[in-house]
Amino acid sequence: QVQLVESGGGLVQAGGSLRLSCAASGSISSINAMGWYRQAPGNQRELVATVTSGGSTNYADSVKGRFAISRDNNKNTVFLQMNSLKPEDTAVYYCNFRTYGRTLATDYWGQGTQVTVSS
């Protein structure tokens, strides 16, 4: 099992910045991916950004150039620096930890943190 603890959400004006953090603990495999997904009211959960244990990153087109994901492997922590925030970034942001077994991957989720961007 993996436990995830998120922090850093809040209310910010358009154009502002926020930084999200997520710390993982428990059965941490050496090969994994950590990331952030978000879900706005009435919408499906969508990928924001991910980073693998090897450092490869992936971003949603809507956040490229504005958001930056990073991780501290020693602390099993992932960060999401969000700049130039827009009202459409408003959502609950969920931390994700994906561990890879021999035949399948397992996802763990944080409790979610609210990000609200006012216009």
N, C-alpha and C. Protein backbone atom coordinates (compact mmCIF):
# COMPACT_ATOMS: atom_id res chain seq x y z
N GLN A 1 0.83 -1.19 0.00
CA GLN A 1 0.00 0.00 0.00
C GLN A 1 0.87 1.24 0.00
N VAL A 2 0.35 2.27 -0.61
CA VAL A 2 1.01 3.58 -0.67
C VAL A 2 0.06 4.63 -0.15
N GLN A 3 0.54 5.48 0.73
CA GLN A 3 -0.26 6.59 1.23
C GLN A 3 0.29 7.89 0.65
N LEU A 4 -0.62 8.78 0.30
CA LEU A 4 -0.27 10.06 -0.31
C LEU A 4 -0.85 11.20 0.50
N VAL A 5 -0.02 12.18 0.79
CA VAL A 5 -0.47 13.36 1.53
C VAL A 5 -0.18 14.59 0.69
N GLU A 6 -1.23 15.31 0.34
CA GLU A 6 -1.11 16.48 -0.52
C GLU A 6 -1.17 17.77 0.30
N SER A 7 -0.60 18.82 -0.26
CA SER A 7 -0.72 20.14 0.34
C SER A 7 -0.49 21.20 -0.73
N GLY A 8 -0.95 22.42 -0.44
CA GLY A 8 -0.62 23.54 -1.31
C GLY A 8 -1.74 24.14 -2.11
N GLY A 9 -2.93 23.60 -2.05
CA GLY A 9 -4.03 24.20 -2.80
C GLY A 9 -4.47 25.51 -2.18
N GLY A 10 -5.43 26.17 -2.83
CA GLY A 10 -5.96 27.41 -2.28
C GLY A 10 -6.61 28.27 -3.34
N LEU A 11 -6.82 29.52 -2.96
CA LEU A 11 -7.47 30.50 -3.82
C LEU A 11 -6.44 31.50 -4.30
N VAL A 12 -6.44 31.76 -5.60
CA VAL A 12 -5.48 32.70 -6.18
C VAL A 12 -6.15 33.45 -7.32
N GLN A 13 -5.70 34.65 -7.57
CA GLN A 13 -6.23 35.42 -8.70
C GLN A 13 -5.60 34.94 -10.00
N ALA A 14 -6.31 35.18 -11.08
CA ALA A 14 -5.79 34.83 -12.40
C ALA A 14 -4.43 35.51 -12.60
N GLY A 15 -3.51 34.73 -13.16
CA GLY A 15 -2.15 35.22 -13.36
C GLY A 15 -1.21 34.88 -12.21
N GLY A 16 -1.77 34.41 -11.13
CA GLY A 16 -0.97 34.09 -9.95
C GLY A 16 -0.36 32.70 -10.03
N SER A 17 0.26 32.30 -8.93
CA SER A 17 0.97 31.02 -8.86
C SER A 17 0.61 30.26 -7.60
N LEU A 18 0.68 28.96 -7.70
CA LEU A 18 0.55 28.07 -6.56
C LEU A 18 1.51 26.91 -6.73
N ARG A 19 1.89 26.30 -5.63
CA ARG A 19 2.75 25.13 -5.67
C ARG A 19 2.10 24.01 -4.86
N LEU A 20 1.89 22.88 -5.51
CA LEU A 20 1.33 21.71 -4.86
C LEU A 20 2.45 20.74 -4.51
N SER A 21 2.28 20.06 -3.38
CA SER A 21 3.23 19.03 -2.97
C SER A 21 2.47 17.76 -2.62
N CYS A 22 3.12 16.64 -2.82
CA CYS A 22 2.52 15.35 -2.48
C CYS A 22 3.63 14.41 -2.03
N ALA A 23 3.50 13.92 -0.80
CA ALA A 23 4.50 13.00 -0.25
C ALA A 23 3.93 11.59 -0.21
N ALA A 24 4.69 10.65 -0.71
CA ALA A 24 4.28 9.25 -0.71
C ALA A 24 5.02 8.48 0.37
N SER A 25 4.31 7.55 0.98
CA SER A 25 4.93 6.68 1.98
C SER A 25 4.32 5.28 1.85
N GLY A 26 5.02 4.30 2.43
CA GLY A 26 4.53 2.94 2.36
C GLY A 26 5.42 2.08 1.49
N SER A 27 4.79 1.23 0.69
CA SER A 27 5.53 0.29 -0.16
C SER A 27 5.89 0.97 -1.48
N ILE A 28 7.03 1.67 -1.46
CA ILE A 28 7.46 2.44 -2.62
C ILE A 28 8.38 1.59 -3.47
N SER A 29 7.95 1.29 -4.68
CA SER A 29 8.81 0.54 -5.59
C SER A 29 9.77 1.50 -6.27
N SER A 30 10.90 0.97 -6.70
CA SER A 30 11.92 1.83 -7.30
C SER A 30 11.49 2.36 -8.66
N ILE A 31 10.68 1.61 -9.37
CA ILE A 31 10.18 2.04 -10.67
C ILE A 31 8.74 2.49 -10.51
N ASN A 32 8.51 3.76 -10.70
CA ASN A 32 7.17 4.28 -10.49
C ASN A 32 7.00 5.59 -11.24
N ALA A 33 5.82 6.09 -11.18
CA ALA A 33 5.52 7.42 -11.73
C ALA A 33 4.65 8.16 -10.73
N MET A 34 4.88 9.44 -10.62
CA MET A 34 4.05 10.29 -9.77
C MET A 34 3.49 11.41 -10.63
N GLY A 35 2.34 11.89 -10.26
CA GLY A 35 1.77 12.95 -11.08
C GLY A 35 0.56 13.58 -10.45
N TRP A 36 -0.03 14.46 -11.23
CA TRP A 36 -1.21 15.20 -10.82
C TRP A 36 -2.29 15.09 -11.88
N TYR A 37 -3.49 14.88 -11.40
CA TYR A 37 -4.68 14.90 -12.22
C TYR A 37 -5.63 15.92 -11.61
N ARG A 38 -6.60 16.36 -12.38
CA ARG A 38 -7.56 17.30 -11.84
C ARG A 38 -8.95 16.99 -12.35
N GLN A 39 -9.92 17.43 -11.55
CA GLN A 39 -11.32 17.21 -11.91
C GLN A 39 -12.13 18.43 -11.54
N ALA A 40 -12.71 19.04 -12.54
CA ALA A 40 -13.59 20.18 -12.34
C ALA A 40 -15.04 19.68 -12.27
N PRO A 41 -15.93 20.42 -11.65
CA PRO A 41 -17.33 19.98 -11.54
C PRO A 41 -17.93 19.67 -12.90
N GLY A 42 -18.54 18.50 -13.01
CA GLY A 42 -19.18 18.10 -14.26
C GLY A 42 -18.24 17.52 -15.29
N ASN A 43 -16.94 17.50 -14.97
CA ASN A 43 -15.96 16.98 -15.93
C ASN A 43 -15.33 15.70 -15.42
N GLN A 44 -14.73 14.95 -16.34
CA GLN A 44 -13.98 13.77 -15.95
C GLN A 44 -12.61 14.18 -15.42
N ARG A 45 -12.04 13.30 -14.63
CA ARG A 45 -10.68 13.53 -14.16
C ARG A 45 -9.73 13.49 -15.35
N GLU A 46 -8.81 14.46 -15.38
CA GLU A 46 -7.88 14.53 -16.51
C GLU A 46 -6.45 14.67 -16.03
N LEU A 47 -5.55 14.20 -16.86
CA LEU A 47 -4.14 14.30 -16.55
C LEU A 47 -3.67 15.74 -16.62
N VAL A 48 -2.85 16.13 -15.65
CA VAL A 48 -2.20 17.43 -15.68
C VAL A 48 -0.73 17.25 -16.05
N ALA A 49 -0.03 16.46 -15.25
CA ALA A 49 1.39 16.22 -15.51
C ALA A 49 1.84 15.00 -14.73
N THR A 50 2.81 14.29 -15.30
CA THR A 50 3.41 13.15 -14.61
C THR A 50 4.93 13.19 -14.76
N VAL A 51 5.59 12.53 -13.82
CA VAL A 51 7.04 12.39 -13.89
C VAL A 51 7.40 11.00 -13.39
N THR A 52 8.25 10.32 -14.15
CA THR A 52 8.64 8.97 -13.76
C THR A 52 9.82 9.01 -12.79
N SER A 53 10.11 7.87 -12.20
CA SER A 53 11.25 7.79 -11.30
C SER A 53 12.56 8.04 -12.05
N GLY A 54 12.53 7.88 -13.37
CA GLY A 54 13.71 8.18 -14.18
C GLY A 54 13.79 9.61 -14.64
N GLY A 55 12.75 10.40 -14.34
CA GLY A 55 12.78 11.82 -14.65
C GLY A 55 12.04 12.24 -15.91
N SER A 56 11.41 11.30 -16.60
CA SER A 56 10.65 11.67 -17.80
C SER A 56 9.35 12.34 -17.40
N THR A 57 9.02 13.41 -18.10
CA THR A 57 7.81 14.17 -17.78
C THR A 57 6.82 14.15 -18.94
N ASN A 58 5.57 14.36 -18.58
CA ASN A 58 4.49 14.44 -19.56
C ASN A 58 3.50 15.48 -19.07
N TYR A 59 3.04 16.34 -19.98
CA TYR A 59 2.12 17.42 -19.60
C TYR A 59 0.90 17.43 -20.51
N ALA A 60 -0.21 17.83 -19.94
CA ALA A 60 -1.38 18.13 -20.77
C ALA A 60 -1.07 19.38 -21.59
N ASP A 61 -1.59 19.41 -22.80
CA ASP A 61 -1.33 20.56 -23.67
C ASP A 61 -1.78 21.87 -23.02
N SER A 62 -2.84 21.80 -22.25
CA SER A 62 -3.42 23.02 -21.67
C SER A 62 -2.53 23.66 -20.62
N VAL A 63 -1.53 22.93 -20.11
CA VAL A 63 -0.70 23.49 -19.04
C VAL A 63 0.76 23.63 -19.46
N LYS A 64 1.10 23.18 -20.65
CA LYS A 64 2.49 23.28 -21.11
C LYS A 64 2.94 24.74 -21.13
N GLY A 65 4.12 24.98 -20.61
CA GLY A 65 4.66 26.32 -20.56
C GLY A 65 4.25 27.11 -19.34
N ARG A 66 3.26 26.60 -18.59
CA ARG A 66 2.79 27.29 -17.39
C ARG A 66 3.05 26.49 -16.12
N PHE A 67 2.93 25.18 -16.22
CA PHE A 67 3.12 24.30 -15.06
C PHE A 67 4.43 23.55 -15.20
N ALA A 68 5.04 23.24 -14.07
CA ALA A 68 6.26 22.44 -14.06
C ALA A 68 6.18 21.40 -12.96
N ILE A 69 6.41 20.15 -13.33
CA ILE A 69 6.39 19.06 -12.36
C ILE A 69 7.82 18.65 -12.05
N SER A 70 8.06 18.32 -10.79
CA SER A 70 9.38 17.86 -10.37
C SER A 70 9.19 16.89 -9.21
N ARG A 71 10.26 16.18 -8.88
CA ARG A 71 10.17 15.24 -7.77
C ARG A 71 11.49 15.13 -7.05
N ASP A 72 11.38 14.77 -5.78
CA ASP A 72 12.54 14.49 -4.94
C ASP A 72 12.46 13.00 -4.61
N ASN A 73 13.27 12.21 -5.28
CA ASN A 73 13.19 10.77 -5.10
C ASN A 73 13.62 10.34 -3.69
N ASN A 74 14.50 11.10 -3.08
CA ASN A 74 14.95 10.76 -1.72
C ASN A 74 13.80 10.88 -0.72
N LYS A 75 12.89 11.81 -0.99
CA LYS A 75 11.76 12.04 -0.09
C LYS A 75 10.45 11.53 -0.66
N ASN A 76 10.50 10.88 -1.83
CA ASN A 76 9.28 10.36 -2.47
C ASN A 76 8.20 11.43 -2.54
N THR A 77 8.61 12.60 -2.96
CA THR A 77 7.70 13.74 -3.01
C THR A 77 7.67 14.31 -4.42
N VAL A 78 6.48 14.68 -4.86
CA VAL A 78 6.32 15.30 -6.18
C VAL A 78 5.75 16.70 -5.97
N PHE A 79 6.18 17.61 -6.83
CA PHE A 79 5.76 19.00 -6.75
C PHE A 79 5.14 19.42 -8.09
N LEU A 80 4.20 20.33 -8.00
CA LEU A 80 3.64 20.93 -9.21
C LEU A 80 3.64 22.44 -9.03
N GLN A 81 4.52 23.10 -9.75
CA GLN A 81 4.57 24.56 -9.74
C GLN A 81 3.62 25.06 -10.83
N MET A 82 2.63 25.82 -10.42
CA MET A 82 1.62 26.31 -11.35
C MET A 82 1.73 27.82 -11.46
N ASN A 83 2.08 28.29 -12.62
CA ASN A 83 2.22 29.73 -12.89
C ASN A 83 1.19 30.18 -13.92
N SER A 84 0.99 31.47 -13.99
CA SER A 84 0.05 32.05 -14.96
C SER A 84 -1.29 31.33 -14.91
N LEU A 85 -1.80 31.16 -13.72
CA LEU A 85 -3.04 30.40 -13.54
C LEU A 85 -4.21 31.11 -14.19
N LYS A 86 -5.13 30.29 -14.70
CA LYS A 86 -6.32 30.79 -15.37
C LYS A 86 -7.56 30.26 -14.64
N PRO A 87 -8.69 30.95 -14.77
CA PRO A 87 -9.91 30.44 -14.12
C PRO A 87 -10.24 29.01 -14.53
N GLU A 88 -9.92 28.62 -15.75
CA GLU A 88 -10.20 27.26 -16.19
C GLU A 88 -9.29 26.21 -15.55
N ASP A 89 -8.31 26.65 -14.79
CA ASP A 89 -7.50 25.70 -14.02
C ASP A 89 -8.18 25.32 -12.71
N THR A 90 -9.27 25.97 -12.40
CA THR A 90 -10.01 25.66 -11.17
C THR A 90 -10.49 24.22 -11.18
N ALA A 91 -10.13 23.48 -10.14
CA ALA A 91 -10.49 22.06 -10.05
C ALA A 91 -9.98 21.50 -8.73
N VAL A 92 -10.37 20.29 -8.44
CA VAL A 92 -9.74 19.53 -7.38
C VAL A 92 -8.56 18.79 -8.01
N TYR A 93 -7.40 18.97 -7.44
CA TYR A 93 -6.18 18.35 -7.96
C TYR A 93 -5.84 17.12 -7.11
N TYR A 94 -5.63 16.01 -7.80
CA TYR A 94 -5.35 14.75 -7.13
C TYR A 94 -3.93 14.28 -7.44
N CYS A 95 -3.23 13.91 -6.40
CA CYS A 95 -1.91 13.31 -6.57
C CYS A 95 -2.09 11.83 -6.93
N ASN A 96 -1.24 11.38 -7.82
CA ASN A 96 -1.29 9.99 -8.25
C ASN A 96 0.09 9.36 -8.11
N PHE A 97 0.10 8.12 -7.62
CA PHE A 97 1.33 7.33 -7.57
C PHE A 97 1.04 6.02 -8.30
N ARG A 98 1.82 5.73 -9.31
CA ARG A 98 1.64 4.51 -10.08
C ARG A 98 2.86 3.60 -9.91
N THR A 99 2.60 2.39 -9.48
CA THR A 99 3.67 1.42 -9.32
C THR A 99 3.48 0.32 -10.34
N TYR A 100 4.58 -0.20 -10.85
CA TYR A 100 4.53 -1.16 -11.94
C TYR A 100 4.94 -2.53 -11.44
N GLY A 101 4.03 -3.49 -11.58
CA GLY A 101 4.34 -4.88 -11.28
C GLY A 101 4.79 -5.59 -12.53
N ARG A 102 4.90 -6.89 -12.43
CA ARG A 102 5.37 -7.66 -13.59
C ARG A 102 4.36 -7.64 -14.73
N THR A 103 3.08 -7.59 -14.38
CA THR A 103 2.07 -7.67 -15.43
C THR A 103 1.08 -6.51 -15.43
N LEU A 104 1.05 -5.72 -14.39
CA LEU A 104 0.09 -4.62 -14.37
C LEU A 104 0.59 -3.48 -13.50
N ALA A 105 -0.06 -2.34 -13.68
CA ALA A 105 0.26 -1.16 -12.88
C ALA A 105 -0.85 -0.93 -11.87
N THR A 106 -0.48 -0.38 -10.73
CA THR A 106 -1.44 -0.07 -9.67
C THR A 106 -1.39 1.41 -9.37
N ASP A 107 -2.56 2.03 -9.32
CA ASP A 107 -2.66 3.46 -9.03
C ASP A 107 -3.12 3.70 -7.61
N TYR A 108 -2.48 4.67 -6.98
CA TYR A 108 -2.90 5.16 -5.67
C TYR A 108 -3.21 6.66 -5.82
N TRP A 109 -4.19 7.10 -5.03
CA TRP A 109 -4.64 8.49 -5.16
C TRP A 109 -4.63 9.20 -3.83
N GLY A 110 -4.30 10.49 -3.88
CA GLY A 110 -4.44 11.33 -2.72
C GLY A 110 -5.89 11.74 -2.52
N GLN A 111 -6.13 12.49 -1.45
CA GLN A 111 -7.50 12.88 -1.11
C GLN A 111 -8.00 14.05 -1.94
N GLY A 112 -7.09 14.73 -2.62
CA GLY A 112 -7.46 15.88 -3.45
C GLY A 112 -7.29 17.19 -2.72
N THR A 113 -6.89 18.20 -3.46
CA THR A 113 -6.75 19.54 -2.89
C THR A 113 -7.38 20.53 -3.87
N GLN A 114 -8.16 21.45 -3.33
CA GLN A 114 -8.90 22.39 -4.17
C GLN A 114 -8.00 23.53 -4.62
N VAL A 115 -8.05 23.80 -5.91
CA VAL A 115 -7.39 24.98 -6.48
C VAL A 115 -8.49 25.82 -7.13
N THR A 116 -8.59 27.06 -6.69
CA THR A 116 -9.60 27.97 -7.23
C THR A 116 -8.90 29.22 -7.75
N VAL A 117 -9.14 29.52 -9.03
CA VAL A 117 -8.54 30.69 -9.66
C VAL A 117 -9.65 31.67 -9.99
N SER A 118 -9.59 32.83 -9.39
CA SER A 118 -10.61 33.84 -9.63
C SER A 118 -10.22 34.77 -10.77
N SER A 119 -11.23 35.25 -11.47
CA SER A 119 -10.96 36.11 -12.63
C SER A 119 -10.91 37.58 -12.23
